[in-house]
Amino acid sequence: MKDKKSYDVILFKAVSYALKAEKILKKEGLPHKLIPVPKHISSDCGVCLMIHLDVKNNIMTSLAGKVDIESVRTLAD
């Protein structure tokens, strides 16, 4: 049986917040991926950031006070 890989998605209230967060993370060289919000989380159109759990603390510190985050959810493949 294949082990499932866990990752977090950071959700934002607006696409503009997600794009701002992406810009900050790119500038700081922190790994992330901009993806559509998974349908089981929201049926609305939108994007979120997928991050690996091992860099979560660094990413959250980088975004603190700079971008409004709606929620962070842990998912698995």
PDB file of N, CA and C in Angstrom:
ATOM      1  N   MET A   1       0.838  -1.184   0.000  1.00  0.00           N
ATOM      2  CA  MET A   1       0.000   0.000   0.000  1.00  0.00           C
ATOM      3  C   MET A   1       0.879   1.242   0.000  1.00  0.00           C
ATOM      4  N   LYS A   2       0.511   2.203  -0.817  1.00  0.00           N
ATOM      5  CA  LYS A   2       1.272   3.439  -0.937  1.00  0.00           C
ATOM      6  C   LYS A   2       0.962   4.369   0.243  1.00  0.00           C
ATOM      7  N   ASP A   3       2.023   4.933   0.840  1.00  0.00           N
ATOM      8  CA  ASP A   3       1.827   5.906   1.912  1.00  0.00           C
ATOM      9  C   ASP A   3       1.283   7.202   1.329  1.00  0.00           C
ATOM     10  N   LYS A   4       0.326   7.787   2.032  1.00  0.00           N
ATOM     11  CA  LYS A   4      -0.223   9.064   1.591  1.00  0.00           C
ATOM     12  C   LYS A   4       0.693  10.187   2.046  1.00  0.00           C
ATOM     13  N   LYS A   5       0.862  11.170   1.176  1.00  0.00           N
ATOM     14  CA  LYS A   5       1.674  12.329   1.514  1.00  0.00           C
ATOM     15  C   LYS A   5       0.758  13.449   1.968  1.00  0.00           C
ATOM     16  N   SER A   6       1.096  14.043   3.093  1.00  0.00           N
ATOM     17  CA  SER A   6       0.306  15.152   3.613  1.00  0.00           C
ATOM     18  C   SER A   6       0.925  16.477   3.196  1.00  0.00           C
ATOM     19  N   TYR A   7       0.071  17.453   3.041  1.00  0.00           N
ATOM     20  CA  TYR A   7       0.492  18.813   2.730  1.00  0.00           C
ATOM     21  C   TYR A   7      -0.583  19.749   3.252  1.00  0.00           C
ATOM     22  N   ASP A   8      -0.260  21.013   3.345  1.00  0.00           N
ATOM     23  CA  ASP A   8      -1.230  22.017   3.773  1.00  0.00           C
ATOM     24  C   ASP A   8      -1.647  22.869   2.596  1.00  0.00           C
ATOM     25  N   VAL A   9      -2.867  23.374   2.671  1.00  0.00           N
ATOM     26  CA  VAL A   9      -3.303  24.408   1.738  1.00  0.00           C
ATOM     27  C   VAL A   9      -3.667  25.632   2.567  1.00  0.00           C
ATOM     28  N   ILE A  10      -3.210  26.775   2.100  1.00  0.00           N
ATOM     29  CA  ILE A  10      -3.522  28.043   2.747  1.00  0.00           C
ATOM     30  C   ILE A  10      -4.612  28.703   1.921  1.00  0.00           C
ATOM     31  N   LEU A  11      -5.740  28.986   2.568  1.00  0.00           N
ATOM     32  CA  LEU A  11      -6.890  29.587   1.899  1.00  0.00           C
ATOM     33  C   LEU A  11      -6.961  31.075   2.225  1.00  0.00           C
ATOM     34  N   PHE A  12      -7.391  31.839   1.230  1.00  0.00           N
ATOM     35  CA  PHE A  12      -7.488  33.288   1.357  1.00  0.00           C
ATOM     36  C   PHE A  12      -8.897  33.741   1.013  1.00  0.00           C
ATOM     37  N   LYS A  13      -9.283  34.925   1.468  1.00  0.00           N
ATOM     38  CA  LYS A  13     -10.618  35.453   1.196  1.00  0.00           C
ATOM     39  C   LYS A  13     -10.760  35.949  -0.232  1.00  0.00           C
ATOM     40  N   ALA A  14      -9.644  36.247  -0.886  1.00  0.00           N
ATOM     41  CA  ALA A  14      -9.683  36.754  -2.260  1.00  0.00           C
ATOM     42  C   ALA A  14      -8.435  36.295  -3.008  1.00  0.00           C
ATOM     43  N   VAL A  15      -8.565  36.184  -4.318  1.00  0.00           N
ATOM     44  CA  VAL A  15      -7.443  35.777  -5.164  1.00  0.00           C
ATOM     45  C   VAL A  15      -6.278  36.750  -4.995  1.00  0.00           C
ATOM     46  N   SER A  16      -6.582  38.025  -4.820  1.00  0.00           N
ATOM     47  CA  SER A  16      -5.515  39.028  -4.683  1.00  0.00           C
ATOM     48  C   SER A  16      -4.615  38.735  -3.482  1.00  0.00           C
ATOM     49  N   TYR A  17      -5.188  38.209  -2.394  1.00  0.00           N
ATOM     50  CA  TYR A  17      -4.376  37.849  -1.227  1.00  0.00           C
ATOM     51  C   TYR A  17      -3.460  36.667  -1.549  1.00  0.00           C
ATOM     52  N   ALA A  18      -3.978  35.704  -2.283  1.00  0.00           N
ATOM     53  CA  ALA A  18      -3.173  34.539  -2.667  1.00  0.00           C
ATOM     54  C   ALA A  18      -2.008  34.966  -3.555  1.00  0.00           C
ATOM     55  N   LEU A  19      -2.272  35.881  -4.484  1.00  0.00           N
ATOM     56  CA  LEU A  19      -1.217  36.356  -5.377  1.00  0.00           C
ATOM     57  C   LEU A  19      -0.164  37.155  -4.612  1.00  0.00           C
ATOM     58  N   LYS A  20      -0.602  37.941  -3.640  1.00  0.00           N
ATOM     59  CA  LYS A  20       0.340  38.694  -2.807  1.00  0.00           C
ATOM     60  C   LYS A  20       1.211  37.735  -2.003  1.00  0.00           C
ATOM     61  N   ALA A  21       0.600  36.700  -1.436  1.00  0.00           N
ATOM     62  CA  ALA A  21       1.353  35.704  -0.670  1.00  0.00           C
ATOM     63  C   ALA A  21       2.363  34.993  -1.563  1.00  0.00           C
ATOM     64  N   GLU A  22       1.948  34.654  -2.769  1.00  0.00           N
ATOM     65  CA  GLU A  22       2.857  33.983  -3.701  1.00  0.00           C
ATOM     66  C   GLU A  22       4.067  34.867  -3.999  1.00  0.00           C
ATOM     67  N   LYS A  23       3.831  36.139  -4.204  1.00  0.00           N
ATOM     68  CA  LYS A  23       4.918  37.084  -4.487  1.00  0.00           C
ATOM     69  C   LYS A  23       5.913  37.138  -3.318  1.00  0.00           C
ATOM     70  N   ILE A  24       5.390  37.184  -2.098  1.00  0.00           N
ATOM     71  CA  ILE A  24       6.246  37.217  -0.904  1.00  0.00           C
ATOM     72  C   ILE A  24       7.083  35.943  -0.806  1.00  0.00           C
ATOM     73  N   LEU A  25       6.446  34.792  -1.002  1.00  0.00           N
ATOM     74  CA  LEU A  25       7.152  33.515  -0.871  1.00  0.00           C
ATOM     75  C   LEU A  25       8.194  33.320  -1.968  1.00  0.00           C
ATOM     76  N   LYS A  26       7.887  33.780  -3.177  1.00  0.00           N
ATOM     77  CA  LYS A  26       8.871  33.701  -4.266  1.00  0.00           C
ATOM     78  C   LYS A  26      10.096  34.537  -3.924  1.00  0.00           C
ATOM     79  N   LYS A  27       9.849  35.746  -3.435  1.00  0.00           N
ATOM     80  CA  LYS A  27      10.944  36.659  -3.084  1.00  0.00           C
ATOM     81  C   LYS A  27      11.838  36.048  -2.010  1.00  0.00           C
ATOM     82  N   GLU A  28      11.243  35.325  -1.068  1.00  0.00           N
ATOM     83  CA  GLU A  28      12.000  34.719   0.025  1.00  0.00           C
ATOM     84  C   GLU A  28      12.522  33.321  -0.303  1.00  0.00           C
ATOM     85  N   GLY A  29      12.190  32.818  -1.489  1.00  0.00           N
ATOM     86  CA  GLY A  29      12.693  31.515  -1.914  1.00  0.00           C
ATOM     87  C   GLY A  29      12.088  30.333  -1.182  1.00  0.00           C
ATOM     88  N   LEU A  30      10.869  30.505  -0.671  1.00  0.00           N
ATOM     89  CA  LEU A  30      10.196  29.416   0.046  1.00  0.00           C
ATOM     90  C   LEU A  30       9.329  28.607  -0.915  1.00  0.00           C
ATOM     91  N   PRO A  31       9.428  27.270  -0.869  1.00  0.00           N
ATOM     92  CA  PRO A  31       8.695  26.427  -1.812  1.00  0.00           C
ATOM     93  C   PRO A  31       7.187  26.440  -1.560  1.00  0.00           C
ATOM     94  N   HIS A  32       6.439  26.539  -2.643  1.00  0.00           N
ATOM     95  CA  HIS A  32       4.977  26.579  -2.594  1.00  0.00           C
ATOM     96  C   HIS A  32       4.451  26.347  -4.006  1.00  0.00           C
ATOM     97  N   LYS A  33       3.147  26.174  -4.120  1.00  0.00           N
ATOM     98  CA  LYS A  33       2.525  26.032  -5.435  1.00  0.00           C
ATOM     99  C   LYS A  33       1.134  26.638  -5.366  1.00  0.00           C
ATOM    100  N   LEU A  34       0.812  27.484  -6.322  1.00  0.00           N
ATOM    101  CA  LEU A  34      -0.517  28.074  -6.423  1.00  0.00           C
ATOM    102  C   LEU A  34      -1.413  27.069  -7.146  1.00  0.00           C
ATOM    103  N   ILE A  35      -2.506  26.657  -6.502  1.00  0.00           N
ATOM    104  CA  ILE A  35      -3.400  25.648  -7.078  1.00  0.00           C
ATOM    105  C   ILE A  35      -4.858  26.090  -6.927  1.00  0.00           C
ATOM    106  N   PRO A  36      -5.763  25.510  -7.718  1.00  0.00           N
ATOM    107  CA  PRO A  36      -7.195  25.778  -7.497  1.00  0.00           C
ATOM    108  C   PRO A  36      -7.614  25.225  -6.132  1.00  0.00           C
ATOM    109  N   VAL A  37      -8.548  25.895  -5.491  1.00  0.00           N
ATOM    110  CA  VAL A  37      -9.065  25.401  -4.214  1.00  0.00           C
ATOM    111  C   VAL A  37      -9.736  24.050  -4.474  1.00  0.00           C
ATOM    112  N   PRO A  38      -9.360  23.006  -3.736  1.00  0.00           N
ATOM    113  CA  PRO A  38      -9.994  21.694  -3.931  1.00  0.00           C
ATOM    114  C   PRO A  38     -11.514  21.782  -3.779  1.00  0.00           C
ATOM    115  N   LYS A  39     -12.228  21.089  -4.655  1.00  0.00           N
ATOM    116  CA  LYS A  39     -13.694  21.163  -4.683  1.00  0.00           C
ATOM    117  C   LYS A  39     -14.343  20.710  -3.381  1.00  0.00           C
ATOM    118  N   HIS A  40     -13.717  19.787  -2.664  1.00  0.00           N
ATOM    119  CA  HIS A  40     -14.321  19.330  -1.406  1.00  0.00           C
ATOM    120  C   HIS A  40     -14.193  20.377  -0.292  1.00  0.00           C
ATOM    121  N   ILE A  41     -13.386  21.407  -0.522  1.00  0.00           N
ATOM    122  CA  ILE A  41     -13.271  22.505   0.444  1.00  0.00           C
ATOM    123  C   ILE A  41     -14.238  23.624   0.088  1.00  0.00           C
ATOM    124  N   SER A  42     -14.295  23.975  -1.206  1.00  0.00           N
ATOM    125  CA  SER A  42     -15.180  25.055  -1.643  1.00  0.00           C
ATOM    126  C   SER A  42     -15.530  24.861  -3.107  1.00  0.00           C
ATOM    127  N   SER A  43     -16.787  25.116  -3.452  1.00  0.00           N
ATOM    128  CA  SER A  43     -17.210  25.013  -4.847  1.00  0.00           C
ATOM    129  C   SER A  43     -16.984  26.327  -5.588  1.00  0.00           C
ATOM    130  N   ASP A  44     -16.606  27.364  -4.853  1.00  0.00           N
ATOM    131  CA  ASP A  44     -16.318  28.652  -5.488  1.00  0.00           C
ATOM    132  C   ASP A  44     -15.030  28.556  -6.291  1.00  0.00           C
ATOM    133  N   CYS A  45     -14.940  29.402  -7.306  1.00  0.00           N
ATOM    134  CA  CYS A  45     -13.679  29.513  -8.025  1.00  0.00           C
ATOM    135  C   CYS A  45     -12.688  30.213  -7.108  1.00  0.00           C
ATOM    136  N   GLY A  46     -11.475  29.817  -7.160  1.00  0.00           N
ATOM    137  CA  GLY A  46     -10.469  30.456  -6.333  1.00  0.00           C
ATOM    138  C   GLY A  46      -9.176  29.685  -6.351  1.00  0.00           C
ATOM    139  N   VAL A  47      -8.164  30.290  -5.780  1.00  0.00           N
ATOM    140  CA  VAL A  47      -6.861  29.650  -5.709  1.00  0.00           C
ATOM    141  C   VAL A  47      -6.379  29.648  -4.264  1.00  0.00           C
ATOM    142  N   CYS A  48      -5.478  28.730  -3.990  1.00  0.00           N
ATOM    143  CA  CYS A  48      -4.878  28.629  -2.665  1.00  0.00           C
ATOM    144  C   CYS A  48      -3.415  28.262  -2.857  1.00  0.00           C
ATOM    145  N   LEU A  49      -2.678  28.284  -1.780  1.00  0.00           N
ATOM    146  CA  LEU A  49      -1.279  27.885  -1.833  1.00  0.00           C
ATOM    147  C   LEU A  49      -1.118  26.504  -1.218  1.00  0.00           C
ATOM    148  N   MET A  50      -0.455  25.622  -1.941  1.00  0.00           N
ATOM    149  CA  MET A  50      -0.119  24.311  -1.417  1.00  0.00           C
ATOM    150  C   MET A  50       1.308  24.392  -0.885  1.00  0.00           C
ATOM    151  N   ILE A  51       1.491  23.962   0.358  1.00  0.00           N
ATOM    152  CA  ILE A  51       2.822  23.995   0.961  1.00  0.00           C
ATOM    153  C   ILE A  51       3.108  22.656   1.624  1.00  0.00           C
ATOM    154  N   HIS A  52       4.379  22.345   1.734  1.00  0.00           N
ATOM    155  CA  HIS A  52       4.775  21.118   2.423  1.00  0.00           C
ATOM    156  C   HIS A  52       4.879  21.396   3.913  1.00  0.00           C
ATOM    157  N   LEU A  53       4.563  20.407   4.708  1.00  0.00           N
ATOM    158  CA  LEU A  53       4.524  20.566   6.157  1.00  0.00           C
ATOM    159  C   LEU A  53       5.872  20.956   6.753  1.00  0.00           C
ATOM    160  N   ASP A  54       6.965  20.544   6.117  1.00  0.00           N
ATOM    161  CA  ASP A  54       8.286  20.834   6.687  1.00  0.00           C
ATOM    162  C   ASP A  54       8.687  22.305   6.592  1.00  0.00           C
ATOM    163  N   VAL A  55       7.988  23.095   5.770  1.00  0.00           N
ATOM    164  CA  VAL A  55       8.289  24.535   5.665  1.00  0.00           C
ATOM    165  C   VAL A  55       7.132  25.404   6.155  1.00  0.00           C
ATOM    166  N   LYS A  56       6.140  24.783   6.738  1.00  0.00           N
ATOM    167  CA  LYS A  56       4.945  25.518   7.170  1.00  0.00           C
ATOM    168  C   LYS A  56       5.279  26.666   8.128  1.00  0.00           C
ATOM    169  N   ASN A  57       6.084  26.398   9.143  1.00  0.00           N
ATOM    170  CA  ASN A  57       6.401  27.445  10.120  1.00  0.00           C
ATOM    171  C   ASN A  57       7.103  28.632   9.472  1.00  0.00           C
ATOM    172  N   ASN A  58       8.055  28.364   8.580  1.00  0.00           N
ATOM    173  CA  ASN A  58       8.760  29.445   7.884  1.00  0.00           C
ATOM    174  C   ASN A  58       7.806  30.264   7.026  1.00  0.00           C
ATOM    175  N   ILE A  59       6.910  29.586   6.333  1.00  0.00           N
ATOM    176  CA  ILE A  59       5.956  30.273   5.468  1.00  0.00           C
ATOM    177  C   ILE A  59       4.983  31.109   6.288  1.00  0.00           C
ATOM    178  N   MET A  60       4.458  30.542   7.354  1.00  0.00           N
ATOM    179  CA  MET A  60       3.508  31.290   8.181  1.00  0.00           C
ATOM    180  C   MET A  60       4.173  32.519   8.803  1.00  0.00           C
ATOM    181  N   THR A  61       5.422  32.393   9.198  1.00  0.00           N
ATOM    182  CA  THR A  61       6.164  33.534   9.742  1.00  0.00           C
ATOM    183  C   THR A  61       6.350  34.608   8.676  1.00  0.00           C
ATOM    184  N   SER A  62       6.669  34.196   7.452  1.00  0.00           N
ATOM    185  CA  SER A  62       6.879  35.147   6.361  1.00  0.00           C
ATOM    186  C   SER A  62       5.610  35.908   5.998  1.00  0.00           C
ATOM    187  N   LEU A  63       4.467  35.243   6.106  1.00  0.00           N
ATOM    188  CA  LEU A  63       3.201  35.876   5.714  1.00  0.00           C
ATOM    189  C   LEU A  63       2.533  36.639   6.860  1.00  0.00           C
ATOM    190  N   ALA A  64       2.952  36.388   8.087  1.00  0.00           N
ATOM    191  CA  ALA A  64       2.322  37.009   9.260  1.00  0.00           C
ATOM    192  C   ALA A  64       2.363  38.536   9.165  1.00  0.00           C
ATOM    193  N   GLY A  65       1.189  39.136   9.302  1.00  0.00           N
ATOM    194  CA  GLY A  65       1.079  40.585   9.273  1.00  0.00           C
ATOM    195  C   GLY A  65       1.148  41.201   7.893  1.00  0.00           C
ATOM    196  N   LYS A  66       1.341  40.373   6.863  1.00  0.00           N
ATOM    197  CA  LYS A  66       1.453  40.891   5.492  1.00  0.00           C
ATOM    198  C   LYS A  66       0.259  40.512   4.628  1.00  0.00           C
ATOM    199  N   VAL A  67      -0.348  39.357   4.917  1.00  0.00           N
ATOM    200  CA  VAL A  67      -1.460  38.844   4.116  1.00  0.00           C
ATOM    201  C   VAL A  67      -2.510  38.254   5.056  1.00  0.00           C
ATOM    202  N   ASP A  68      -3.776  38.554   4.786  1.00  0.00           N
ATOM    203  CA  ASP A  68      -4.861  37.967   5.578  1.00  0.00           C
ATOM    204  C   ASP A  68      -5.112  36.534   5.114  1.00  0.00           C
ATOM    205  N   ILE A  69      -4.954  35.596   6.023  1.00  0.00           N
ATOM    206  CA  ILE A  69      -5.171  34.181   5.734  1.00  0.00           C
ATOM    207  C   ILE A  69      -6.522  33.777   6.307  1.00  0.00           C
ATOM    208  N   GLU A  70      -7.343  33.131   5.472  1.00  0.00           N
ATOM    209  CA  GLU A  70      -8.658  32.673   5.939  1.00  0.00           C
ATOM    210  C   GLU A  70      -8.532  31.425   6.801  1.00  0.00           C
ATOM    211  N   SER A  71      -7.803  30.425   6.295  1.00  0.00           N
ATOM    212  CA  SER A  71      -7.586  29.199   7.063  1.00  0.00           C
ATOM    213  C   SER A  71      -6.457  28.389   6.445  1.00  0.00           C
ATOM    214  N   VAL A  72      -5.983  27.421   7.218  1.00  0.00           N
ATOM    215  CA  VAL A  72      -4.963  26.485   6.752  1.00  0.00           C
ATOM    216  C   VAL A  72      -5.500  25.092   7.020  1.00  0.00           C
ATOM    217  N   ARG A  73      -5.464  24.246   5.995  1.00  0.00           N
ATOM    218  CA  ARG A  73      -5.982  22.878   6.146  1.00  0.00           C
ATOM    219  C   ARG A  73      -4.931  21.868   5.721  1.00  0.00           C
ATOM    220  N   THR A  74      -4.865  20.784   6.444  1.00  0.00           N
ATOM    221  CA  THR A  74      -3.958  19.697   6.094  1.00  0.00           C
ATOM    222  C   THR A  74      -4.722  18.683   5.251  1.00  0.00           C
ATOM    223  N   LEU A  75      -4.144  18.317   4.119  1.00  0.00           N
ATOM    224  CA  LEU A  75      -4.753  17.363   3.188  1.00  0.00           C
ATOM    225  C   LEU A  75      -3.756  16.257   2.889  1.00  0.00           C
ATOM    226  N   ALA A  76      -4.228  15.206   2.254  1.00  0.00           N
ATOM    227  CA  ALA A  76      -3.357  14.104   1.844  1.00  0.00           C
ATOM    228  C   ALA A  76      -3.711  13.707   0.423  1.00  0.00           C
ATOM    229  N   ASP A  77      -2.695  13.243  -0.306  1.00  0.00           N
ATOM    230  CA  ASP A  77      -2.917  12.751  -1.679  1.00  0.00           C
ATOM    231  C   ASP A  77      -3.835  11.557  -1.662  1.00  0.00           C
TER     232      ASP A  77
END
